[in-house]
Amino acid sequence: MEEHIGYCQQCRKEIHCLDGFFNGIIDDQTKTILCFTCADSFNEKSQDA
C-alpha cells in the first residue's frame, strides 16, 4: 500500500508511506519533511561546518 504524505521541502519530490514505512525524514528543528537524497546532502553540509 502506498499513501502520499507530502513533498520534500527542498526538491519538491513526492514523499510516500510504503506499506506503513515513511519514505523520508522529518527535520526535528523545522518540522518539515525531506526526501532521503536531500536529507543526506543536508547532513553532509552540517557535518562540514
Protein backbone atom coordinates (compact mmCIF):
# COMPACT_ATOMS: atom_id res chain seq x y z
CA MET A 1 0.00 0.00 0.00
CA GLU A 2 1.28 3.46 -0.90
CA GLU A 3 -0.01 6.68 0.66
CA HIS A 4 1.00 10.18 -0.44
CA ILE A 5 2.33 12.17 2.54
CA GLY A 6 3.61 15.40 1.01
CA TYR A 7 6.53 16.95 -0.82
CA CYS A 8 10.20 17.37 0.05
CA GLN A 9 10.77 20.94 1.25
CA GLN A 10 13.93 21.28 -0.85
CA CYS A 11 13.43 19.48 -4.16
CA ARG A 12 9.61 19.12 -4.11
CA LYS A 13 9.79 15.35 -4.79
CA GLU A 14 6.67 13.44 -3.70
CA ILE A 15 7.10 11.53 -0.44
CA HIS A 16 5.00 8.47 0.37
CA CYS A 17 4.44 5.92 3.09
CA LEU A 18 5.15 2.50 1.63
CA ASP A 19 3.49 -0.38 3.48
CA GLY A 20 3.43 1.68 6.69
CA PHE A 21 7.01 2.97 6.46
CA PHE A 22 7.64 6.69 5.94
CA ASN A 23 9.88 7.10 2.91
CA GLY A 24 11.67 10.26 4.04
CA ILE A 25 12.99 12.22 7.02
CA ILE A 26 11.28 14.67 9.36
CA ASP A 27 13.56 17.56 10.36
CA ASP A 28 13.00 17.96 14.11
CA GLN A 29 14.10 21.60 14.19
CA THR A 30 11.94 22.91 11.33
CA LYS A 31 9.20 20.23 11.45
CA THR A 32 9.44 19.74 7.67
CA ILE A 33 9.83 16.62 5.58
CA LEU A 34 12.77 15.83 3.30
CA CYS A 35 13.43 13.02 0.83
CA PHE A 36 16.38 10.77 1.66
CA THR A 37 18.58 12.43 -1.02
CA CYS A 38 18.08 15.95 0.33
CA ALA A 39 18.42 14.74 3.93
CA ASP A 40 21.77 13.12 3.11
CA SER A 41 23.12 16.26 1.44
CA PHE A 42 21.83 18.39 4.36
CA ASN A 43 23.64 16.12 6.87
CA GLU A 44 26.88 16.27 4.86
CA LYS A 45 26.77 20.10 4.81
CA SER A 46 26.08 20.34 8.55
CA GLN A 47 28.99 17.99 9.36
CA ASP A 48 31.41 20.12 7.32
CA ALA A 49 30.60 23.26 9.34
